[in-house]
Amino acid sequence: MTITPTPEQERTLAQAIEDGLIQRPEEVLDLGLDTLRSRLATRRRSETAEEWVARFRAFVHSHSTSTPLLSDEATSRESIYDDRGR
């Protein structure tokens, strides 16, 4: 397969090389393919809002509720920053 860039695409490639984003024009194909792979993966794993909420709730409920809370003193500014805050 041969790909012939348009004049604008050639200018963009030259600018990307000049700015150090890529070293060779061929790298654009790899970047484009990475983007397509990412979009395809996202499309395949897309879920409805209800599915996302169900997964989120399952995640939330998977954590222990018996962990003791920190006291107000333990979370006070003075306790956190000690002598650095003065």
C-alpha atoms as a PDB file:
ATOM      1  CA  MET A   1       0.000   0.000   0.000  1.00  0.00           C
ATOM      2  CA  THR A   2       1.292   3.427  -0.892  1.00  0.00           C
ATOM      3  CA  ILE A   3       0.090   6.502   0.937  1.00  0.00           C
ATOM      4  CA  THR A   4       0.580   9.866  -0.710  1.00  0.00           C
ATOM      5  CA  PRO A   5       0.141  12.778   1.709  1.00  0.00           C
ATOM      6  CA  THR A   6      -1.596  15.957   0.640  1.00  0.00           C
ATOM      7  CA  PRO A   7       0.431  19.193   0.673  1.00  0.00           C
ATOM      8  CA  GLU A   8      -1.155  20.171   4.010  1.00  0.00           C
ATOM      9  CA  GLN A   9      -0.336  16.774   5.495  1.00  0.00           C
ATOM     10  CA  GLU A  10       3.261  17.181   4.313  1.00  0.00           C
ATOM     11  CA  ARG A  11       3.452  20.588   6.023  1.00  0.00           C
ATOM     12  CA  THR A  12       2.065  19.102   9.223  1.00  0.00           C
ATOM     13  CA  LEU A  13       4.585  16.253   9.086  1.00  0.00           C
ATOM     14  CA  ALA A  14       7.437  18.709   8.524  1.00  0.00           C
ATOM     15  CA  GLN A  15       6.258  20.803  11.491  1.00  0.00           C
ATOM     16  CA  ALA A  16       5.984  17.717  13.708  1.00  0.00           C
ATOM     17  CA  ILE A  17       9.535  16.700  12.783  1.00  0.00           C
ATOM     18  CA  GLU A  18      10.822  20.236  13.323  1.00  0.00           C
ATOM     19  CA  ASP A  19       9.130  20.393  16.742  1.00  0.00           C
ATOM     20  CA  GLY A  20      10.559  17.008  17.725  1.00  0.00           C
ATOM     21  CA  LEU A  21       7.234  15.194  17.998  1.00  0.00           C
ATOM     22  CA  ILE A  22       8.394  12.574  15.520  1.00  0.00           C
ATOM     23  CA  GLN A  23      11.713  11.809  13.863  1.00  0.00           C
ATOM     24  CA  ARG A  24      10.493  10.377  10.550  1.00  0.00           C
ATOM     25  CA  PRO A  25       7.237  10.735   8.601  1.00  0.00           C
ATOM     26  CA  GLU A  26       6.670   6.968   8.851  1.00  0.00           C
ATOM     27  CA  GLU A  27       6.117   7.321  12.592  1.00  0.00           C
ATOM     28  CA  VAL A  28       2.799   9.025  11.886  1.00  0.00           C
ATOM     29  CA  LEU A  29       1.361   5.721  10.729  1.00  0.00           C
ATOM     30  CA  ASP A  30       2.303   4.095  14.043  1.00  0.00           C
ATOM     31  CA  LEU A  31       0.738   6.983  15.973  1.00  0.00           C
ATOM     32  CA  GLY A  32      -2.404   6.771  13.878  1.00  0.00           C
ATOM     33  CA  LEU A  33      -2.644   3.023  14.356  1.00  0.00           C
ATOM     34  CA  ASP A  34      -2.203   3.437  18.132  1.00  0.00           C
ATOM     35  CA  THR A  35      -5.075   5.918  18.122  1.00  0.00           C
ATOM     36  CA  LEU A  36      -7.262   3.564  16.096  1.00  0.00           C
ATOM     37  CA  ARG A  37      -6.440   0.636  18.407  1.00  0.00           C
ATOM     38  CA  SER A  38      -7.390   2.749  21.412  1.00  0.00           C
ATOM     39  CA  ARG A  39     -10.675   3.830  19.830  1.00  0.00           C
ATOM     40  CA  LEU A  40     -11.511   0.266  18.827  1.00  0.00           C
ATOM     41  CA  ALA A  41     -10.785  -0.984  22.345  1.00  0.00           C
ATOM     42  CA  THR A  42     -12.950   1.770  23.816  1.00  0.00           C
ATOM     43  CA  ARG A  43     -15.787   0.957  21.444  1.00  0.00           C
ATOM     44  CA  ARG A  44     -15.588  -2.745  22.306  1.00  0.00           C
ATOM     45  CA  ARG A  45     -15.712  -2.125  26.025  1.00  0.00           C
ATOM     46  CA  SER A  46     -18.285   0.648  25.913  1.00  0.00           C
ATOM     47  CA  GLU A  47     -21.038   0.111  28.409  1.00  0.00           C
ATOM     48  CA  THR A  48     -24.303   1.696  29.263  1.00  0.00           C
ATOM     49  CA  ALA A  49     -24.617   4.150  32.125  1.00  0.00           C
ATOM     50  CA  GLU A  50     -26.494   1.510  34.100  1.00  0.00           C
ATOM     51  CA  GLU A  51     -23.669  -1.008  33.611  1.00  0.00           C
ATOM     52  CA  TRP A  52     -21.101   1.577  34.714  1.00  0.00           C
ATOM     53  CA  VAL A  53     -23.145   2.460  37.821  1.00  0.00           C
ATOM     54  CA  ALA A  54     -23.495  -1.223  38.689  1.00  0.00           C
ATOM     55  CA  ARG A  55     -19.736  -1.755  38.334  1.00  0.00           C
ATOM     56  CA  PHE A  56     -19.027   1.365  40.405  1.00  0.00           C
ATOM     57  CA  ARG A  57     -21.394   0.289  43.178  1.00  0.00           C
ATOM     58  CA  ALA A  58     -19.828  -3.172  43.226  1.00  0.00           C
ATOM     59  CA  PHE A  59     -16.406  -1.511  43.559  1.00  0.00           C
ATOM     60  CA  VAL A  60     -17.602   0.737  46.390  1.00  0.00           C
ATOM     61  CA  HIS A  61     -19.181  -2.147  48.292  1.00  0.00           C
ATOM     62  CA  SER A  62     -16.080  -4.316  47.873  1.00  0.00           C
ATOM     63  CA  HIS A  63     -14.205  -2.238  50.454  1.00  0.00           C
ATOM     64  CA  SER A  64     -14.251  -2.846  54.169  1.00  0.00           C
ATOM     65  CA  THR A  65     -16.532  -0.674  56.270  1.00  0.00           C
ATOM     66  CA  SER A  66     -14.797  -1.626  59.514  1.00  0.00           C
ATOM     67  CA  THR A  67     -11.741   0.583  58.998  1.00  0.00           C
ATOM     68  CA  PRO A  68     -11.562   3.037  61.887  1.00  0.00           C
ATOM     69  CA  LEU A  69     -11.876   6.709  61.005  1.00  0.00           C
ATOM     70  CA  LEU A  70      -9.130   9.167  61.838  1.00  0.00           C
ATOM     71  CA  SER A  71      -9.755  11.593  64.657  1.00  0.00           C
ATOM     72  CA  ASP A  72     -10.166  15.328  64.081  1.00  0.00           C
ATOM     73  CA  GLU A  73      -6.794  15.831  65.743  1.00  0.00           C
ATOM     74  CA  ALA A  74      -5.091  13.359  63.393  1.00  0.00           C
ATOM     75  CA  THR A  75      -6.391  15.231  60.367  1.00  0.00           C
ATOM     76  CA  SER A  76      -5.798  18.739  61.690  1.00  0.00           C
ATOM     77  CA  ARG A  77      -3.532  21.108  59.788  1.00  0.00           C
ATOM     78  CA  GLU A  78      -1.114  21.225  62.713  1.00  0.00           C
ATOM     79  CA  SER A  79      -0.862  17.435  62.819  1.00  0.00           C
ATOM     80  CA  ILE A  80      -0.302  17.174  59.075  1.00  0.00           C
ATOM     81  CA  TYR A  81       2.196  19.997  58.644  1.00  0.00           C
ATOM     82  CA  ASP A  82       3.758  19.946  62.126  1.00  0.00           C
ATOM     83  CA  ASP A  83       6.351  22.763  62.277  1.00  0.00           C
ATOM     84  CA  ARG A  84       6.425  23.460  58.523  1.00  0.00           C
ATOM     85  CA  GLY A  85       3.226  25.508  58.594  1.00  0.00           C
ATOM     86  CA  ARG A  86       4.587  28.192  60.902  1.00  0.00           C
END
